[in-house]
C-alpha atoms as a PDB file:
ATOM      1  CA  MET A   1    -168.745 -74.364  76.141  1.00  0.00           C
ATOM      2  CA  ALA A   2    -170.737 -72.013  78.336  1.00  0.00           C
ATOM      3  CA  TYR A   3    -170.493 -68.249  78.646  1.00  0.00           C
ATOM      4  CA  LYS A   4    -171.462 -66.046  81.540  1.00  0.00           C
ATOM      5  CA  VAL A   5    -172.422 -62.380  81.599  1.00  0.00           C
ATOM      6  CA  THR A   6    -170.917 -60.594  84.576  1.00  0.00           C
ATOM      7  CA  GLU A   7    -172.274 -57.652  86.522  1.00  0.00           C
ATOM      8  CA  ASN A   8    -169.339 -55.578  85.255  1.00  0.00           C
ATOM      9  CA  PHE A   9    -170.261 -56.368  81.635  1.00  0.00           C
ATOM     10  CA  LEU A  10    -173.849 -55.247  82.196  1.00  0.00           C
ATOM     11  CA  LYS A  11    -172.745 -52.056  83.975  1.00  0.00           C
ATOM     12  CA  LYS A  12    -170.219 -51.246  81.224  1.00  0.00           C
ATOM     13  CA  PHE A  13    -173.048 -51.202  78.663  1.00  0.00           C
ATOM     14  CA  GLY A  14    -175.564 -49.470  80.917  1.00  0.00           C
ATOM     15  CA  LEU A  15    -177.694 -52.569  81.490  1.00  0.00           C
ATOM     16  CA  ASN A  16    -179.212 -53.784  84.734  1.00  0.00           C
ATOM     17  CA  THR A  17    -180.281 -57.341  83.849  1.00  0.00           C
ATOM     18  CA  LEU A  18    -179.974 -59.888  81.049  1.00  0.00           C
ATOM     19  CA  GLU A  19    -183.498 -58.917  79.964  1.00  0.00           C
ATOM     20  CA  ASP A  20    -182.100 -55.493  79.010  1.00  0.00           C
ATOM     21  CA  LEU A  21    -179.888 -57.069  76.327  1.00  0.00           C
ATOM     22  CA  PRO A  22    -181.130 -56.510  72.760  1.00  0.00           C
ATOM     23  CA  GLU A  23    -182.798 -59.328  70.857  1.00  0.00           C
ATOM     24  CA  LEU A  24    -180.520 -61.267  68.530  1.00  0.00           C
ATOM     25  CA  PRO A  25    -181.186 -60.802  64.802  1.00  0.00           C
ATOM     26  CA  ARG A  26    -182.845 -63.595  62.837  1.00  0.00           C
ATOM     27  CA  TYR A  27    -180.400 -65.406  60.621  1.00  0.00           C
ATOM     28  CA  LYS A  28    -180.053 -68.373  58.314  1.00  0.00           C
ATOM     29  CA  VAL A  29    -177.197 -70.208  56.624  1.00  0.00           C
ATOM     30  CA  ASP A  30    -177.033 -69.950  52.827  1.00  0.00           C
ATOM     31  CA  GLU A  31    -175.859 -72.566  50.326  1.00  0.00           C
ATOM     32  CA  ASN A  32    -172.232 -71.493  50.914  1.00  0.00           C
ATOM     33  CA  LYS A  33    -172.641 -72.052  54.652  1.00  0.00           C
ATOM     34  CA  GLN A  34    -172.449 -68.312  55.265  1.00  0.00           C
ATOM     35  CA  ILE A  35    -174.637 -66.660  57.893  1.00  0.00           C
ATOM     36  CA  VAL A  36    -177.221 -64.345  56.356  1.00  0.00           C
ATOM     37  CA  ILE A  37    -179.125 -61.987  58.644  1.00  0.00           C
ATOM     38  CA  ASP A  38    -182.803 -61.806  57.647  1.00  0.00           C
ATOM     39  CA  ASP A  39    -183.105 -58.138  58.645  1.00  0.00           C
ATOM     40  CA  LEU A  40    -180.369 -57.244  56.162  1.00  0.00           C
ATOM     41  CA  LEU A  41    -182.081 -59.273  53.451  1.00  0.00           C
ATOM     42  CA  GLU A  42    -185.367 -57.502  54.133  1.00  0.00           C
ATOM     43  CA  GLU A  43    -183.694 -54.079  53.934  1.00  0.00           C
ATOM     44  CA  SER A  44    -181.932 -55.039  50.718  1.00  0.00           C
ATOM     45  CA  SER A  45    -185.137 -56.254  49.086  1.00  0.00           C
ATOM     46  CA  LYS A  46    -186.965 -53.093  50.217  1.00  0.00           C
ATOM     47  CA  ASP A  47    -184.210 -50.968  48.668  1.00  0.00           C
ATOM     48  CA  LYS A  48    -184.508 -52.903  45.400  1.00  0.00           C
ATOM     49  CA  GLU A  49    -188.304 -52.536  45.400  1.00  0.00           C
ATOM     50  CA  GLU A  50    -188.019 -48.790  45.970  1.00  0.00           C
ATOM     51  CA  GLN A  51    -185.444 -48.515  43.182  1.00  0.00           C
ATOM     52  CA  LYS A  52    -187.760 -50.386  40.782  1.00  0.00           C
ATOM     53  CA  LYS A  53    -190.676 -48.123  41.743  1.00  0.00           C
ATOM     54  CA  ASP A  54    -188.512 -45.046  41.112  1.00  0.00           C
ATOM     55  CA  GLU A  55    -187.451 -46.397  37.695  1.00  0.00           C
ATOM     56  CA  ILE A  56    -191.077 -47.103  36.731  1.00  0.00           C
ATOM     57  CA  GLU A  57    -192.198 -43.646  37.848  1.00  0.00           C
ATOM     58  CA  GLU A  58    -189.352 -42.069  35.896  1.00  0.00           C
ATOM     59  CA  GLU A  59    -190.299 -44.024  32.766  1.00  0.00           C
ATOM     60  CA  ILE A  60    -193.953 -43.009  33.183  1.00  0.00           C
ATOM     61  CA  ASN A  61    -192.930 -39.356  33.467  1.00  0.00           C
ATOM     62  CA  ILE A  62    -190.753 -39.624  30.351  1.00  0.00           C
ATOM     63  CA  ASN A  63    -193.608 -41.215  28.425  1.00  0.00           C
ATOM     64  CA  LYS A  64    -195.995 -38.441  29.561  1.00  0.00           C
ATOM     65  CA  GLU A  65    -193.557 -35.776  28.387  1.00  0.00           C
ATOM     66  CA  GLU A  66    -193.193 -37.450  24.991  1.00  0.00           C
ATOM     67  CA  SER A  67    -196.979 -37.612  24.510  1.00  0.00           C
END
């Protein structure tokens, strides 16, 4: 099956050429055959890392106060 982008489609979204379309996100298929977008995984892991850092800093501050 082939798809075509029409001039009207491009105009509707304020684009002039196909090169103006955004890049597709990187993705992979997990063990459940579900599509997983790498950018979302990266954001999620960054959020978890930041949360761990915050927890460690909080524990350090508590330990300083107790000393």
